[in-house]
Amino acid sequence: MPTICYVMVFITGLAVGSFLNVCIYRIPRGQSVVTTPSHCFSCATNLKPWDLAPVFSFMWQRGRCRYCGVKLSRQYPLVELLTGVLFVAAVYRWGLTWTAPAMMVFFSMLIVTAVIDWRHQVIPDGALLAGGVLGLPLIYLQSLDKLKWGVAGFLAAGLLLYLIAVISKGGMGGGDIKLAAVMGLYLGLKPVAVALLLAFMLGGLIGLALLVTGKKGRKDAVPFGPFLALGALFASFAGEQIIAWYAGFRGL
């Protein structure tokens, strides 16, 4: 694929990442992500188009609002850059197929849910619903078999985390259950198993590190959504290879 195509995909990802930042800021506050004009969260000044250029406006304004000078979070350029990189990775990995746009939607949903959960300890139903509704037709366009495995993954992952929530008596939130189910829809049965395994491993290791360093206590909650998102990202690109390696290692 010509380099210019990847450049255009990257720019598209930056623009989508800018919208994801809007979702991340407004959804937990119950604000509309569509009808309300973009504005500074501090002085409420409506932003001009040149204030909204992904990454570049942040750099040009040295990370501050041009109108009131309040310091802006580094989350904004990081989310935009991450979205752009993941969009390029999707096209590089799956080419000009229906899988690429499906995974772009999936990655966008993962970014929104992970950041909101990390900041507010909640996974918004609206983001999950949007991911499911937008993803279903894109998964179907890949193949009917892909959709069947997606439905199987949806049911299996959701049920597994639901059982864990019941057994642990609240150790797993309802948002985590629904996020795992949507992950299964996109990834399918076997790759979502890899994603969940990686999520539990990462969550356990980082949780232990937070305890050892004193940044979290034994009774402090650690949001699980970001670890589910990380597990899903790894499984998206390397899930099949991990399954094949494990099968070969076990002689299956």
Protein backbone atom coordinates (compact mmCIF):
# COMPACT_ATOMS: atom_id res chain seq x y z
CA MET A 1 0.00 0.00 0.00
CA PRO A 2 1.42 3.47 -0.89
CA THR A 3 2.85 5.52 1.97
CA ILE A 4 0.37 8.32 1.31
CA CYS A 5 -2.47 5.94 2.20
CA TYR A 6 -0.95 5.26 5.61
CA VAL A 7 -0.47 9.00 6.11
CA MET A 8 -4.15 9.60 5.35
CA VAL A 9 -5.17 6.79 7.71
CA PHE A 10 -2.96 8.29 10.43
CA ILE A 11 -4.51 11.75 9.98
CA THR A 12 -7.97 10.17 10.12
CA GLY A 13 -6.96 8.44 13.35
CA LEU A 14 -5.78 11.74 14.84
CA ALA A 15 -9.15 13.32 14.01
CA VAL A 16 -11.05 10.37 15.50
CA GLY A 17 -8.79 10.54 18.56
CA SER A 18 -9.78 14.18 19.01
CA PHE A 19 -13.44 13.10 19.08
CA LEU A 20 -12.59 10.31 21.52
CA ASN A 21 -11.15 12.93 23.87
CA VAL A 22 -14.49 14.72 23.71
CA CYS A 23 -16.24 11.47 24.63
CA ILE A 24 -13.81 10.78 27.47
CA TYR A 25 -14.38 14.22 29.00
CA ARG A 26 -18.12 14.59 28.45
CA ILE A 27 -19.65 11.13 28.88
CA PRO A 28 -18.86 10.81 32.63
CA ARG A 29 -20.34 14.29 33.12
CA GLY A 30 -23.55 13.48 31.29
CA GLN A 31 -22.84 16.01 28.52
CA SER A 32 -23.71 15.58 24.85
CA VAL A 33 -20.82 14.60 22.58
CA VAL A 34 -22.64 15.90 19.49
CA THR A 35 -24.74 19.00 20.09
CA THR A 36 -22.50 21.01 22.44
CA PRO A 37 -19.77 23.03 20.66
CA SER A 38 -16.16 22.30 21.61
CA HIS A 39 -15.08 24.63 24.39
CA CYS A 40 -12.44 25.10 27.06
CA PHE A 41 -13.36 23.15 30.19
CA SER A 42 -12.06 26.02 32.34
CA CYS A 43 -13.20 29.31 30.78
CA ALA A 44 -15.99 27.81 28.59
CA THR A 45 -14.82 29.77 25.53
CA ASN A 46 -15.95 28.12 22.29
CA LEU A 47 -12.90 26.87 20.43
CA LYS A 48 -12.05 27.88 16.87
CA PRO A 49 -11.15 25.30 14.20
CA TRP A 50 -7.44 26.12 14.54
CA ASP A 51 -7.68 25.38 18.27
CA LEU A 52 -8.84 21.85 17.52
CA ALA A 53 -6.07 20.57 15.24
CA PRO A 54 -5.11 17.22 16.80
CA VAL A 55 -1.70 17.18 18.51
CA PHE A 56 -0.46 20.28 16.66
CA SER A 57 -2.70 22.77 18.48
CA PHE A 58 -1.54 21.30 21.81
CA MET A 59 2.10 21.71 20.79
CA TRP A 60 1.58 25.18 19.30
CA GLN A 61 -0.18 26.40 22.44
CA ARG A 62 2.40 24.68 24.66
CA GLY A 63 -0.23 22.62 26.38
CA ARG A 64 -2.36 25.54 27.54
CA CYS A 65 -5.69 27.08 26.61
CA ARG A 66 -5.13 29.99 24.21
CA TYR A 67 -7.83 32.04 25.96
CA CYS A 68 -7.38 31.55 29.70
CA GLY A 69 -3.98 29.89 29.91
CA VAL A 70 -5.11 26.89 31.95
CA LYS A 71 -2.85 23.87 31.62
CA LEU A 72 -4.28 21.10 29.45
CA SER A 73 -3.93 17.40 30.16
CA ARG A 74 -1.35 15.42 28.19
CA GLN A 75 -4.12 12.90 27.72
CA TYR A 76 -5.33 14.86 24.70
CA PRO A 77 -2.30 14.42 22.40
CA LEU A 78 -1.59 10.93 23.75
CA VAL A 79 -5.10 9.68 22.92
CA GLU A 80 -4.92 11.28 19.47
CA LEU A 81 -1.50 9.78 18.72
CA LEU A 82 -2.50 6.35 20.04
CA THR A 83 -5.63 6.32 17.88
CA GLY A 84 -3.64 7.33 14.81
CA VAL A 85 -1.03 4.62 15.42
CA LEU A 86 -3.67 1.93 16.00
CA PHE A 87 -5.55 2.92 12.83
CA VAL A 88 -2.36 2.57 10.80
CA ALA A 89 -1.60 -0.75 12.53
CA ALA A 90 -5.08 -2.01 11.64
CA VAL A 91 -4.64 -1.23 7.95
CA TYR A 92 -1.11 -2.65 7.96
CA ARG A 93 -2.27 -5.86 9.65
CA TRP A 94 -5.56 -6.50 7.81
CA GLY A 95 -5.21 -4.45 4.64
CA LEU A 96 -8.18 -3.15 2.67
CA THR A 97 -10.67 -5.59 4.14
CA TRP A 98 -13.75 -5.16 6.31
CA THR A 99 -11.67 -6.33 9.28
CA ALA A 100 -9.64 -3.10 9.34
CA PRO A 101 -12.58 -0.67 9.88
CA ALA A 102 -14.15 -3.12 12.34
CA MET A 103 -10.97 -3.11 14.41
CA MET A 104 -10.73 0.67 14.18
CA VAL A 105 -14.16 0.92 15.79
CA PHE A 106 -13.11 -1.69 18.37
CA PHE A 107 -9.89 0.13 19.25
CA SER A 108 -11.75 3.43 19.56
CA MET A 109 -14.20 1.86 21.99
CA LEU A 110 -11.36 0.34 24.00
CA ILE A 111 -9.60 3.70 24.33
CA VAL A 112 -12.73 5.49 25.53
CA THR A 113 -13.71 2.81 28.05
CA ALA A 114 -10.17 2.30 29.37
CA VAL A 115 -9.45 5.99 30.01
CA ILE A 116 -12.87 6.68 31.54
CA ASP A 117 -12.60 3.63 33.78
CA TRP A 118 -9.09 4.60 34.88
CA ARG A 119 -10.16 8.15 35.70
CA HIS A 120 -13.68 7.60 37.03
CA GLN A 121 -13.93 3.86 37.88
CA VAL A 122 -16.90 3.39 35.57
CA ILE A 123 -17.35 1.88 32.11
CA PRO A 124 -20.09 3.77 30.26
CA ASP A 125 -22.87 1.69 28.72
CA GLY A 126 -23.19 4.18 25.86
CA ALA A 127 -19.65 3.52 24.62
CA LEU A 128 -20.17 -0.24 24.76
CA LEU A 129 -23.52 0.03 22.98
CA ALA A 130 -22.01 2.20 20.25
CA GLY A 131 -19.16 -0.29 19.83
CA GLY A 132 -21.60 -3.19 19.54
CA VAL A 133 -24.03 -1.49 17.18
CA LEU A 134 -21.30 -0.19 14.86
CA GLY A 135 -19.37 -3.44 15.01
CA LEU A 136 -22.13 -5.92 14.18
CA PRO A 137 -22.54 -4.99 10.49
CA LEU A 138 -18.77 -4.73 10.03
CA ILE A 139 -18.27 -8.18 11.55
CA TYR A 140 -21.07 -9.62 9.39
CA LEU A 141 -19.45 -8.13 6.26
CA GLN A 142 -16.27 -10.06 7.05
CA SER A 143 -18.10 -13.38 6.96
CA LEU A 144 -21.05 -15.17 8.53
CA ASP A 145 -18.61 -17.54 10.21
CA LYS A 146 -16.84 -14.57 11.81
CA LEU A 147 -20.17 -13.35 13.18
CA LYS A 148 -21.02 -16.80 14.58
CA TRP A 149 -17.69 -17.02 16.42
CA GLY A 150 -18.21 -13.44 17.57
CA VAL A 151 -21.58 -14.27 19.10
CA ALA A 152 -20.03 -17.32 20.77
CA GLY A 153 -17.23 -15.12 22.16
CA PHE A 154 -19.76 -12.54 23.33
CA LEU A 155 -21.72 -15.12 25.32
CA ALA A 156 -18.71 -17.01 26.68
CA ALA A 157 -16.72 -13.96 27.83
CA GLY A 158 -19.73 -12.25 29.35
CA LEU A 159 -20.81 -15.40 31.18
CA LEU A 160 -17.30 -16.09 32.47
CA LEU A 161 -16.90 -12.66 34.03
CA TYR A 162 -20.46 -12.79 35.34
CA LEU A 163 -19.63 -16.03 37.16
CA ILE A 164 -16.45 -14.47 38.53
CA ALA A 165 -18.49 -11.49 39.77
CA VAL A 166 -20.95 -13.82 41.51
CA ILE A 167 -18.26 -16.00 43.08
CA SER A 168 -16.18 -13.00 44.21
CA LYS A 169 -19.31 -11.23 45.49
CA GLY A 170 -18.77 -7.96 43.68
CA GLY A 171 -15.08 -8.29 42.83
CA MET A 172 -15.98 -7.74 39.17
CA GLY A 173 -18.13 -4.81 38.05
CA GLY A 174 -21.03 -4.92 35.62
CA GLY A 175 -19.12 -2.70 33.21
CA ASP A 176 -16.26 -5.20 33.10
CA ILE A 177 -18.72 -7.99 32.29
CA LYS A 178 -20.25 -6.03 29.41
CA LEU A 179 -16.85 -4.91 28.10
CA ALA A 180 -15.61 -8.52 28.06
CA ALA A 181 -18.72 -9.56 26.15
CA VAL A 182 -18.17 -6.89 23.47
CA MET A 183 -14.52 -7.94 23.28
CA GLY A 184 -15.73 -11.46 22.52
CA LEU A 185 -17.96 -10.15 19.77
CA TYR A 186 -15.01 -8.59 17.94
CA LEU A 187 -12.32 -11.15 18.73
CA GLY A 188 -14.18 -14.45 18.64
CA LEU A 189 -14.10 -17.35 21.08
CA LYS A 190 -10.43 -18.35 21.22
CA PRO A 191 -8.78 -14.90 20.91
CA VAL A 192 -11.02 -13.43 23.63
CA ALA A 193 -9.84 -16.22 25.94
CA VAL A 194 -6.27 -15.04 25.29
CA ALA A 195 -7.35 -11.44 25.92
CA LEU A 196 -8.95 -12.31 29.27
CA LEU A 197 -5.96 -14.36 30.38
CA LEU A 198 -3.60 -11.49 29.55
CA ALA A 199 -5.90 -9.02 31.30
CA PHE A 200 -5.89 -11.04 34.53
CA MET A 201 -2.10 -11.46 34.35
CA LEU A 202 -1.48 -7.75 33.74
CA GLY A 203 -4.03 -6.73 36.35
CA GLY A 204 -2.44 -9.02 38.92
CA LEU A 205 1.12 -7.86 38.23
CA ILE A 206 0.31 -4.15 38.18
CA GLY A 207 -1.99 -4.46 41.18
CA LEU A 208 0.83 -6.16 43.11
CA ALA A 209 3.27 -3.44 42.05
CA LEU A 210 0.87 -0.74 43.28
CA LEU A 211 0.58 -2.50 46.63
CA VAL A 212 4.35 -2.93 47.00
CA THR A 213 5.03 0.71 46.16
CA GLY A 214 2.30 1.89 48.51
CA LYS A 215 0.33 3.66 45.81
CA LYS A 216 -2.69 1.47 46.56
CA GLY A 217 -3.90 -0.20 49.73
CA ARG A 218 -5.44 -3.64 50.07
CA LYS A 219 -8.94 -2.19 50.16
CA ASP A 220 -8.42 0.30 47.32
CA ALA A 221 -10.21 -0.49 44.07
CA VAL A 222 -8.14 -0.82 40.92
CA PRO A 223 -10.17 -0.42 37.70
CA PHE A 224 -10.03 -3.55 35.56
CA GLY A 225 -11.21 -1.97 32.30
CA PRO A 226 -7.75 -0.74 31.23
CA PHE A 227 -6.33 -4.25 31.65
CA LEU A 228 -9.17 -5.74 29.63
CA ALA A 229 -8.40 -3.18 26.91
CA LEU A 230 -4.69 -4.02 26.93
CA GLY A 231 -5.45 -7.73 26.77
CA ALA A 232 -7.80 -7.10 23.85
CA LEU A 233 -5.15 -5.11 21.97
CA PHE A 234 -2.55 -7.85 22.38
CA ALA A 235 -5.05 -10.53 21.37
CA SER A 236 -6.17 -8.52 18.34
CA PHE A 237 -2.72 -8.57 16.79
CA ALA A 238 -1.18 -11.73 18.22
CA GLY A 239 -4.05 -13.84 19.58
CA GLU A 240 -3.94 -16.46 16.84
CA GLN A 241 -0.15 -16.72 17.08
CA ILE A 242 -0.32 -17.18 20.86
CA ILE A 243 -2.95 -19.91 20.42
CA ALA A 244 -0.83 -21.65 17.76
CA TRP A 245 2.28 -21.42 19.96
CA TYR A 246 0.44 -22.86 22.95
CA ALA A 247 -1.03 -25.68 20.87
CA GLY A 248 2.43 -26.54 19.54
CA PHE A 249 3.96 -26.30 23.03
CA ARG A 250 1.35 -28.70 24.40
CA GLY A 251 1.59 -30.96 21.35
CA LEU A 252 -2.09 -30.44 20.49
